[in-house]
């Protein structure tokens, strides 16, 4: 199994150390291959919100020489670990910048069926909010139910040789790494939340309507694998939620589209 790890911190501090602890446990498994990418080494300029990836395609991103390679790495892995640190109770800028470059994944999600893990640390507070944010973004990308592992200064610092790891945190770490491994090994799909189902079908309806101005979005959602309530197996209740949202947004988009064209003429 291929696991991709993205180190989001700009330095090899507590977040990096915690992520390495997870990697060590996964590397002990006989069938695991891990690729590590450090955001700091990418020299990725800030996203300028030029909308080129949304309107024209991801290959038109001004920083495509970096982002296309990252996109391929995302697509090729079976499991994705995103680690981010907490700056003033929010996700650090370097990791946020990388995620900003993949805003088009919200319009054209493509990581369905993959499994995710989120690692976040802080010097006191906010790491849980950061972890939830990353998890929610991964959900919009198509990776559902990512496992969360967090740490703050209430736990002993990993980079301190004297401190080491508490038995309680060792157990928590072991459990998270083992659960992540077993999920990938089983190839069992994690069901999306009702919110993700609704968002998925709202984008599908808007992209396929006459009101849509993005050929990239329209071509994407026209594919049989994506033009349905959700690309992976979901229960009847969630299917009905998806179908209902799609129908409502599709009708609303058509009404707005006709009105817009009438005013334009």
C-alpha atoms as a PDB file:
ATOM      1  CA  UNK A   1       0.000   0.000   0.000  1.00  0.00           C
ATOM      2  CA  UNK A   2       1.175   3.498  -0.851  1.00  0.00           C
ATOM      3  CA  UNK A   3       0.962   6.127   1.882  1.00  0.00           C
ATOM      4  CA  UNK A   4       1.699   9.786   1.192  1.00  0.00           C
ATOM      5  CA  UNK A   5       2.709  12.004   4.104  1.00  0.00           C
ATOM      6  CA  UNK A   6       2.649  15.793   3.790  1.00  0.00           C
ATOM      7  CA  UNK A   7       4.638  17.569   6.502  1.00  0.00           C
ATOM      8  CA  UNK A   8       2.959  20.965   6.802  1.00  0.00           C
ATOM      9  CA  UNK A   9       5.268  22.627   9.303  1.00  0.00           C
ATOM     10  CA  UNK A  10       8.081  24.927   8.224  1.00  0.00           C
ATOM     11  CA  UNK A  11      10.429  23.405  10.787  1.00  0.00           C
ATOM     12  CA  UNK A  12      11.169  19.986  12.263  1.00  0.00           C
ATOM     13  CA  UNK A  13       9.448  20.653  15.579  1.00  0.00           C
ATOM     14  CA  UNK A  14       6.687  18.943  17.503  1.00  0.00           C
ATOM     15  CA  UNK A  15       4.357  18.390  14.529  1.00  0.00           C
ATOM     16  CA  UNK A  16       7.134  16.818  12.517  1.00  0.00           C
ATOM     17  CA  UNK A  17       8.172  14.630  15.464  1.00  0.00           C
ATOM     18  CA  UNK A  18       4.646  13.409  16.081  1.00  0.00           C
ATOM     19  CA  UNK A  19       4.190  12.616  12.396  1.00  0.00           C
ATOM     20  CA  UNK A  20       7.464  10.682  12.429  1.00  0.00           C
ATOM     21  CA  UNK A  21       6.178   8.614  15.334  1.00  0.00           C
ATOM     22  CA  UNK A  22       3.194   7.605  13.204  1.00  0.00           C
ATOM     23  CA  UNK A  23       5.452   6.889  10.228  1.00  0.00           C
ATOM     24  CA  UNK A  24       7.688   4.645  12.342  1.00  0.00           C
ATOM     25  CA  UNK A  25       4.694   2.553  13.330  1.00  0.00           C
ATOM     26  CA  UNK A  26       3.430   2.269   9.764  1.00  0.00           C
ATOM     27  CA  UNK A  27       6.862   1.425   8.372  1.00  0.00           C
ATOM     28  CA  UNK A  28       6.979  -1.562  10.737  1.00  0.00           C
ATOM     29  CA  UNK A  29       4.233  -3.124   8.620  1.00  0.00           C
ATOM     30  CA  UNK A  30       5.513  -5.418   5.828  1.00  0.00           C
ATOM     31  CA  UNK A  31       3.374  -4.068   2.980  1.00  0.00           C
ATOM     32  CA  UNK A  32       3.684  -0.314   3.478  1.00  0.00           C
ATOM     33  CA  UNK A  33       5.572   2.120   1.254  1.00  0.00           C
ATOM     34  CA  UNK A  34       5.721   5.708   2.476  1.00  0.00           C
ATOM     35  CA  UNK A  35       6.511   8.850   0.524  1.00  0.00           C
ATOM     36  CA  UNK A  36       7.187  12.000   2.535  1.00  0.00           C
ATOM     37  CA  UNK A  37       6.886  15.535   1.183  1.00  0.00           C
ATOM     38  CA  UNK A  38       7.767  18.585   3.249  1.00  0.00           C
ATOM     39  CA  UNK A  39       5.808  21.687   2.281  1.00  0.00           C
ATOM     40  CA  UNK A  40       8.795  23.824   3.253  1.00  0.00           C
ATOM     41  CA  UNK A  41      10.895  22.158   0.535  1.00  0.00           C
ATOM     42  CA  UNK A  42       8.385  22.848  -2.246  1.00  0.00           C
ATOM     43  CA  UNK A  43       9.083  26.606  -2.419  1.00  0.00           C
ATOM     44  CA  UNK A  44       5.435  27.001  -3.367  1.00  0.00           C
ATOM     45  CA  UNK A  45       4.425  30.646  -3.924  1.00  0.00           C
ATOM     46  CA  UNK A  46       1.217  31.867  -2.361  1.00  0.00           C
ATOM     47  CA  UNK A  47      -2.018  31.109  -4.195  1.00  0.00           C
ATOM     48  CA  UNK A  48      -3.201  34.363  -5.800  1.00  0.00           C
ATOM     49  CA  UNK A  49      -6.827  33.251  -6.264  1.00  0.00           C
ATOM     50  CA  UNK A  50      -6.512  33.821 -10.013  1.00  0.00           C
ATOM     51  CA  UNK A  51      -9.222  31.156 -10.562  1.00  0.00           C
ATOM     52  CA  UNK A  52      -7.290  29.647 -13.469  1.00  0.00           C
ATOM     53  CA  UNK A  53      -7.587  26.149 -11.975  1.00  0.00           C
ATOM     54  CA  UNK A  54     -11.330  26.602 -11.544  1.00  0.00           C
ATOM     55  CA  UNK A  55     -12.138  28.162 -14.899  1.00  0.00           C
ATOM     56  CA  UNK A  56      -9.570  26.704 -17.284  1.00  0.00           C
ATOM     57  CA  UNK A  57      -8.129  23.633 -15.594  1.00  0.00           C
ATOM     58  CA  UNK A  58      -5.470  22.812 -13.009  1.00  0.00           C
ATOM     59  CA  UNK A  59      -2.772  22.757 -15.683  1.00  0.00           C
ATOM     60  CA  UNK A  60      -3.214  26.530 -16.027  1.00  0.00           C
ATOM     61  CA  UNK A  61      -2.233  27.255 -12.431  1.00  0.00           C
ATOM     62  CA  UNK A  62       0.710  29.709 -12.403  1.00  0.00           C
ATOM     63  CA  UNK A  63       2.488  27.241 -10.132  1.00  0.00           C
ATOM     64  CA  UNK A  64       1.554  24.116 -12.087  1.00  0.00           C
ATOM     65  CA  UNK A  65       5.182  22.978 -12.174  1.00  0.00           C
ATOM     66  CA  UNK A  66       4.698  22.187  -8.481  1.00  0.00           C
ATOM     67  CA  UNK A  67       0.968  21.562  -8.080  1.00  0.00           C
ATOM     68  CA  UNK A  68       0.546  19.047 -10.899  1.00  0.00           C
ATOM     69  CA  UNK A  69       3.189  16.837  -9.326  1.00  0.00           C
ATOM     70  CA  UNK A  70       1.474  17.139  -5.970  1.00  0.00           C
ATOM     71  CA  UNK A  71      -1.869  16.270  -7.559  1.00  0.00           C
ATOM     72  CA  UNK A  72      -0.392  13.118  -9.089  1.00  0.00           C
ATOM     73  CA  UNK A  73       1.037  12.142  -5.696  1.00  0.00           C
ATOM     74  CA  UNK A  74      -2.420  12.558  -4.148  1.00  0.00           C
ATOM     75  CA  UNK A  75      -4.003  10.406  -6.854  1.00  0.00           C
ATOM     76  CA  UNK A  76      -1.386   7.659  -6.680  1.00  0.00           C
ATOM     77  CA  UNK A  77      -1.569   7.037  -2.927  1.00  0.00           C
ATOM     78  CA  UNK A  78      -3.897   4.704  -1.046  1.00  0.00           C
ATOM     79  CA  UNK A  79      -3.685   6.678   2.174  1.00  0.00           C
ATOM     80  CA  UNK A  80      -2.958  10.363   2.779  1.00  0.00           C
ATOM     81  CA  UNK A  81      -1.585  11.889   5.980  1.00  0.00           C
ATOM     82  CA  UNK A  82      -1.737  15.659   6.306  1.00  0.00           C
ATOM     83  CA  UNK A  83       0.068  17.183   9.274  1.00  0.00           C
ATOM     84  CA  UNK A  84      -0.324  20.805  10.253  1.00  0.00           C
ATOM     85  CA  UNK A  85       0.695  22.938  13.153  1.00  0.00           C
ATOM     86  CA  UNK A  86      -1.320  25.605  14.962  1.00  0.00           C
ATOM     87  CA  UNK A  87      -0.449  29.287  14.686  1.00  0.00           C
ATOM     88  CA  UNK A  88      -2.651  31.598  16.787  1.00  0.00           C
ATOM     89  CA  UNK A  89      -5.370  28.941  16.957  1.00  0.00           C
ATOM     90  CA  UNK A  90      -5.481  28.366  13.182  1.00  0.00           C
ATOM     91  CA  UNK A  91      -3.724  26.281  10.540  1.00  0.00           C
ATOM     92  CA  UNK A  92      -0.216  27.472   9.704  1.00  0.00           C
ATOM     93  CA  UNK A  93       0.140  29.446   6.469  1.00  0.00           C
ATOM     94  CA  UNK A  94       2.393  27.005   4.591  1.00  0.00           C
ATOM     95  CA  UNK A  95      -0.068  24.132   4.863  1.00  0.00           C
ATOM     96  CA  UNK A  96      -3.047  26.396   4.186  1.00  0.00           C
ATOM     97  CA  UNK A  97      -1.292  27.684   1.063  1.00  0.00           C
ATOM     98  CA  UNK A  98      -0.857  24.153  -0.273  1.00  0.00           C
ATOM     99  CA  UNK A  99      -4.519  23.406   0.341  1.00  0.00           C
ATOM    100  CA  UNK A 100      -5.539  26.702  -1.274  1.00  0.00           C
ATOM    101  CA  UNK A 101      -3.845  25.545  -4.492  1.00  0.00           C
ATOM    102  CA  UNK A 102      -6.247  22.621  -4.584  1.00  0.00           C
ATOM    103  CA  UNK A 103      -9.428  24.667  -4.293  1.00  0.00           C
ATOM    104  CA  UNK A 104     -10.508  23.086  -7.569  1.00  0.00           C
ATOM    105  CA  UNK A 105     -10.871  19.787  -5.678  1.00  0.00           C
ATOM    106  CA  UNK A 106     -13.973  21.362  -4.115  1.00  0.00           C
ATOM    107  CA  UNK A 107     -15.415  21.842  -7.607  1.00  0.00           C
ATOM    108  CA  UNK A 108     -13.987  18.617  -9.014  1.00  0.00           C
ATOM    109  CA  UNK A 109     -13.286  16.192  -6.122  1.00  0.00           C
ATOM    110  CA  UNK A 110     -11.316  13.114  -7.114  1.00  0.00           C
ATOM    111  CA  UNK A 111      -9.826  11.348  -4.104  1.00  0.00           C
ATOM    112  CA  UNK A 112     -12.798   9.041  -3.503  1.00  0.00           C
ATOM    113  CA  UNK A 113     -12.021   5.704  -1.910  1.00  0.00           C
ATOM    114  CA  UNK A 114      -8.772   6.838  -0.311  1.00  0.00           C
ATOM    115  CA  UNK A 115      -8.209   6.943   3.422  1.00  0.00           C
ATOM    116  CA  UNK A 116      -6.959   9.904   5.392  1.00  0.00           C
ATOM    117  CA  UNK A 117      -5.289  10.842   8.630  1.00  0.00           C
ATOM    118  CA  UNK A 118      -4.855  14.288  10.151  1.00  0.00           C
ATOM    119  CA  UNK A 119      -2.087  15.201  12.591  1.00  0.00           C
ATOM    120  CA  UNK A 120      -2.136  18.575  14.346  1.00  0.00           C
ATOM    121  CA  UNK A 121      -0.234  20.052  17.277  1.00  0.00           C
ATOM    122  CA  UNK A 122      -0.133  23.316  19.165  1.00  0.00           C
ATOM    123  CA  UNK A 123       1.775  25.061  21.910  1.00  0.00           C
ATOM    124  CA  UNK A 124      -1.336  25.222  24.039  1.00  0.00           C
ATOM    125  CA  UNK A 125      -4.699  25.352  22.265  1.00  0.00           C
ATOM    126  CA  UNK A 126      -6.441  25.278  18.906  1.00  0.00           C
ATOM    127  CA  UNK A 127      -5.040  22.029  17.533  1.00  0.00           C
ATOM    128  CA  UNK A 128      -8.440  20.305  17.582  1.00  0.00           C
ATOM    129  CA  UNK A 129     -10.018  23.063  15.483  1.00  0.00           C
ATOM    130  CA  UNK A 130      -7.107  22.854  13.050  1.00  0.00           C
ATOM    131  CA  UNK A 131      -7.502  19.089  12.788  1.00  0.00           C
ATOM    132  CA  UNK A 132     -11.251  19.367  12.168  1.00  0.00           C
ATOM    133  CA  UNK A 133     -10.654  21.966   9.456  1.00  0.00           C
ATOM    134  CA  UNK A 134      -8.184  19.715   7.633  1.00  0.00           C
ATOM    135  CA  UNK A 135     -10.534  16.754   8.010  1.00  0.00           C
ATOM    136  CA  UNK A 136     -13.425  18.747   6.524  1.00  0.00           C
ATOM    137  CA  UNK A 137     -11.303  19.821   3.565  1.00  0.00           C
ATOM    138  CA  UNK A 138     -10.251  16.235   2.954  1.00  0.00           C
ATOM    139  CA  UNK A 139     -13.931  15.286   3.028  1.00  0.00           C
ATOM    140  CA  UNK A 140     -14.659  17.741   0.234  1.00  0.00           C
ATOM    141  CA  UNK A 141     -11.759  16.270  -1.725  1.00  0.00           C
ATOM    142  CA  UNK A 142     -13.427  12.849  -1.495  1.00  0.00           C
ATOM    143  CA  UNK A 143     -11.559  11.402   1.526  1.00  0.00           C
ATOM    144  CA  UNK A 144     -14.174  10.630   4.140  1.00  0.00           C
ATOM    145  CA  UNK A 145     -13.819  10.037   7.882  1.00  0.00           C
ATOM    146  CA  UNK A 146     -10.150  10.921   8.265  1.00  0.00           C
ATOM    147  CA  UNK A 147      -8.603   9.771  11.553  1.00  0.00           C
ATOM    148  CA  UNK A 148      -7.477  12.616  13.814  1.00  0.00           C
ATOM    149  CA  UNK A 149      -4.407  12.638  16.068  1.00  0.00           C
ATOM    150  CA  UNK A 150      -3.635  15.796  18.051  1.00  0.00           C
ATOM    151  CA  UNK A 151      -1.149  16.898  20.690  1.00  0.00           C
ATOM    152  CA  UNK A 152      -0.491  20.018  22.748  1.00  0.00           C
ATOM    153  CA  UNK A 153       1.781  21.030  25.608  1.00  0.00           C
ATOM    154  CA  UNK A 154      -0.446  19.215  28.070  1.00  0.00           C
ATOM    155  CA  UNK A 155       1.282  16.137  26.656  1.00  0.00           C
ATOM    156  CA  UNK A 156       5.044  15.733  27.028  1.00  0.00           C
ATOM    157  CA  UNK A 157       6.902  17.260  24.119  1.00  0.00           C
ATOM    158  CA  UNK A 158       8.148  14.705  21.634  1.00  0.00           C
ATOM    159  CA  UNK A 159      11.337  16.535  20.752  1.00  0.00           C
ATOM    160  CA  UNK A 160      12.504  16.385  24.358  1.00  0.00           C
ATOM    161  CA  UNK A 161      14.600  13.249  24.903  1.00  0.00           C
ATOM    162  CA  UNK A 162      14.134  13.552  28.658  1.00  0.00           C
ATOM    163  CA  UNK A 163      10.390  13.829  28.452  1.00  0.00           C
ATOM    164  CA  UNK A 164       9.684  10.959  26.065  1.00  0.00           C
ATOM    165  CA  UNK A 165       6.097   9.781  25.592  1.00  0.00           C
ATOM    166  CA  UNK A 166       3.582   9.083  28.311  1.00  0.00           C
ATOM    167  CA  UNK A 167       2.090   5.592  28.341  1.00  0.00           C
ATOM    168  CA  UNK A 168      -1.341   7.124  27.744  1.00  0.00           C
ATOM    169  CA  UNK A 169      -0.210   8.991  24.657  1.00  0.00           C
ATOM    170  CA  UNK A 170       1.733   5.966  23.372  1.00  0.00           C
ATOM    171  CA  UNK A 171      -1.501   4.010  23.486  1.00  0.00           C
ATOM    172  CA  UNK A 172      -3.374   6.775  21.662  1.00  0.00           C
ATOM    173  CA  UNK A 173      -0.651   6.955  19.001  1.00  0.00           C
ATOM    174  CA  UNK A 174      -0.523   3.190  18.516  1.00  0.00           C
ATOM    175  CA  UNK A 175      -4.301   3.006  18.132  1.00  0.00           C
ATOM    176  CA  UNK A 176      -4.440   5.797  15.529  1.00  0.00           C
ATOM    177  CA  UNK A 177      -1.660   4.311  13.396  1.00  0.00           C
ATOM    178  CA  UNK A 178      -3.154   0.807  13.610  1.00  0.00           C
ATOM    179  CA  UNK A 179      -6.640   2.014  12.691  1.00  0.00           C
ATOM    180  CA  UNK A 180      -5.295   3.921   9.708  1.00  0.00           C
ATOM    181  CA  UNK A 181      -3.352   0.886   8.508  1.00  0.00           C
ATOM    182  CA  UNK A 182      -6.323  -1.466   8.878  1.00  0.00           C
ATOM    183  CA  UNK A 183      -8.627   0.881   6.977  1.00  0.00           C
ATOM    184  CA  UNK A 184      -6.294   0.975   3.998  1.00  0.00           C
ATOM    185  CA  UNK A 185      -5.659  -2.764   4.183  1.00  0.00           C
ATOM    186  CA  UNK A 186      -9.357  -3.618   4.228  1.00  0.00           C
ATOM    187  CA  UNK A 187     -10.137  -1.294   1.287  1.00  0.00           C
ATOM    188  CA  UNK A 188     -13.476  -0.658   2.952  1.00  0.00           C
ATOM    189  CA  UNK A 189     -15.103   2.592   1.923  1.00  0.00           C
ATOM    190  CA  UNK A 190     -15.909   5.173   4.601  1.00  0.00           C
ATOM    191  CA  UNK A 191     -19.370   6.644   4.160  1.00  0.00           C
ATOM    192  CA  UNK A 192     -19.466  10.433   3.635  1.00  0.00           C
ATOM    193  CA  UNK A 193     -21.384  12.721   5.949  1.00  0.00           C
ATOM    194  CA  UNK A 194     -24.779  14.049   4.927  1.00  0.00           C
ATOM    195  CA  UNK A 195     -23.141  17.479   4.579  1.00  0.00           C
ATOM    196  CA  UNK A 196     -20.598  16.141   2.092  1.00  0.00           C
ATOM    197  CA  UNK A 197     -23.359  14.389   0.177  1.00  0.00           C
ATOM    198  CA  UNK A 198     -25.289  17.660  -0.041  1.00  0.00           C
ATOM    199  CA  UNK A 199     -22.237  19.674  -1.105  1.00  0.00           C
ATOM    200  CA  UNK A 200     -21.277  17.068  -3.687  1.00  0.00           C
ATOM    201  CA  UNK A 201     -24.698  17.151  -5.317  1.00  0.00           C
ATOM    202  CA  UNK A 202     -24.992  20.924  -5.155  1.00  0.00           C
ATOM    203  CA  UNK A 203     -21.759  21.252  -7.144  1.00  0.00           C
ATOM    204  CA  UNK A 204     -22.938  18.519  -9.526  1.00  0.00           C
ATOM    205  CA  UNK A 205     -26.225  20.283 -10.196  1.00  0.00           C
ATOM    206  CA  UNK A 206     -24.685  23.738 -10.653  1.00  0.00           C
ATOM    207  CA  UNK A 207     -21.921  22.428 -12.903  1.00  0.00           C
ATOM    208  CA  UNK A 208     -24.309  20.580 -15.217  1.00  0.00           C
ATOM    209  CA  UNK A 209     -26.801  23.441 -15.474  1.00  0.00           C
ATOM    210  CA  UNK A 210     -26.919  26.045 -18.233  1.00  0.00           C
ATOM    211  CA  UNK A 211     -25.919  28.610 -15.633  1.00  0.00           C
ATOM    212  CA  UNK A 212     -22.450  27.089 -15.292  1.00  0.00           C
ATOM    213  CA  UNK A 213     -19.663  28.987 -17.040  1.00  0.00           C
ATOM    214  CA  UNK A 214     -16.947  26.403 -16.375  1.00  0.00           C
ATOM    215  CA  UNK A 215     -16.442  23.831 -19.131  1.00  0.00           C
ATOM    216  CA  UNK A 216     -13.940  22.076 -16.867  1.00  0.00           C
ATOM    217  CA  UNK A 217     -16.576  21.538 -14.192  1.00  0.00           C
ATOM    218  CA  UNK A 218     -19.202  20.513 -16.742  1.00  0.00           C
ATOM    219  CA  UNK A 219     -16.910  17.967 -18.425  1.00  0.00           C
ATOM    220  CA  UNK A 220     -15.913  16.538 -15.064  1.00  0.00           C
ATOM    221  CA  UNK A 221     -19.444  16.044 -13.755  1.00  0.00           C
ATOM    222  CA  UNK A 222     -20.644  14.647 -17.087  1.00  0.00           C
ATOM    223  CA  UNK A 223     -18.534  11.525 -16.568  1.00  0.00           C
ATOM    224  CA  UNK A 224     -20.586   8.507 -15.528  1.00  0.00           C
ATOM    225  CA  UNK A 225     -18.379   7.810 -12.506  1.00  0.00           C
ATOM    226  CA  UNK A 226     -19.211  11.208 -10.979  1.00  0.00           C
ATOM    227  CA  UNK A 227     -22.698  11.981 -12.313  1.00  0.00           C
ATOM    228  CA  UNK A 228     -24.570  10.226  -9.500  1.00  0.00           C
ATOM    229  CA  UNK A 229     -25.507  10.815  -5.880  1.00  0.00           C
ATOM    230  CA  UNK A 230     -21.978   9.832  -4.783  1.00  0.00           C
ATOM    231  CA  UNK A 231     -19.128   7.871  -6.416  1.00  0.00           C
ATOM    232  CA  UNK A 232     -18.820   5.344  -3.575  1.00  0.00           C
ATOM    233  CA  UNK A 233     -21.486   3.176  -1.970  1.00  0.00           C
ATOM    234  CA  UNK A 234     -23.856   5.023   0.371  1.00  0.00           C
ATOM    235  CA  UNK A 235     -27.032   4.047   2.190  1.00  0.00           C
ATOM    236  CA  UNK A 236     -30.553   4.725   0.959  1.00  0.00           C
ATOM    237  CA  UNK A 237     -31.105   7.716   3.271  1.00  0.00           C
ATOM    238  CA  UNK A 238     -27.958   9.482   2.072  1.00  0.00           C
ATOM    239  CA  UNK A 239     -28.798   8.608  -1.516  1.00  0.00           C
ATOM    240  CA  UNK A 240     -32.165  10.310  -1.091  1.00  0.00           C
ATOM    241  CA  UNK A 241     -30.467  13.377   0.423  1.00  0.00           C
ATOM    242  CA  UNK A 242     -28.169  13.568  -2.586  1.00  0.00           C
ATOM    243  CA  UNK A 243     -30.988  13.121  -5.081  1.00  0.00           C
ATOM    244  CA  UNK A 244     -33.132  15.747  -3.352  1.00  0.00           C
ATOM    245  CA  UNK A 245     -30.330  18.341  -3.178  1.00  0.00           C
ATOM    246  CA  UNK A 246     -29.412  17.705  -6.811  1.00  0.00           C
ATOM    247  CA  UNK A 247     -33.008  18.140  -7.967  1.00  0.00           C
ATOM    248  CA  UNK A 248     -33.574  21.343  -5.974  1.00  0.00           C
ATOM    249  CA  UNK A 249     -30.293  23.022  -6.946  1.00  0.00           C
ATOM    250  CA  UNK A 250     -30.642  21.949 -10.575  1.00  0.00           C
ATOM    251  CA  UNK A 251     -34.083  23.550 -10.844  1.00  0.00           C
ATOM    252  CA  UNK A 252     -32.939  26.704  -9.056  1.00  0.00           C
ATOM    253  CA  UNK A 253     -29.849  27.016 -11.269  1.00  0.00           C
ATOM    254  CA  UNK A 254     -31.955  26.669 -14.410  1.00  0.00           C
ATOM    255  CA  UNK A 255     -34.349  29.390 -13.218  1.00  0.00           C
ATOM    256  CA  UNK A 256     -31.496  31.757 -12.397  1.00  0.00           C
ATOM    257  CA  UNK A 257     -29.758  30.888 -15.664  1.00  0.00           C
ATOM    258  CA  UNK A 258     -32.823  31.690 -17.769  1.00  0.00           C
ATOM    259  CA  UNK A 259     -33.347  34.949 -15.918  1.00  0.00           C
ATOM    260  CA  UNK A 260     -29.698  35.901 -16.372  1.00  0.00           C
ATOM    261  CA  UNK A 261     -29.755  35.175 -20.114  1.00  0.00           C
ATOM    262  CA  UNK A 262     -33.021  37.106 -20.512  1.00  0.00           C
ATOM    263  CA  UNK A 263     -31.520  40.200 -18.871  1.00  0.00           C
ATOM    264  CA  UNK A 264     -28.338  39.836 -20.956  1.00  0.00           C
ATOM    265  CA  UNK A 265     -30.375  39.859 -24.160  1.00  0.00           C
END
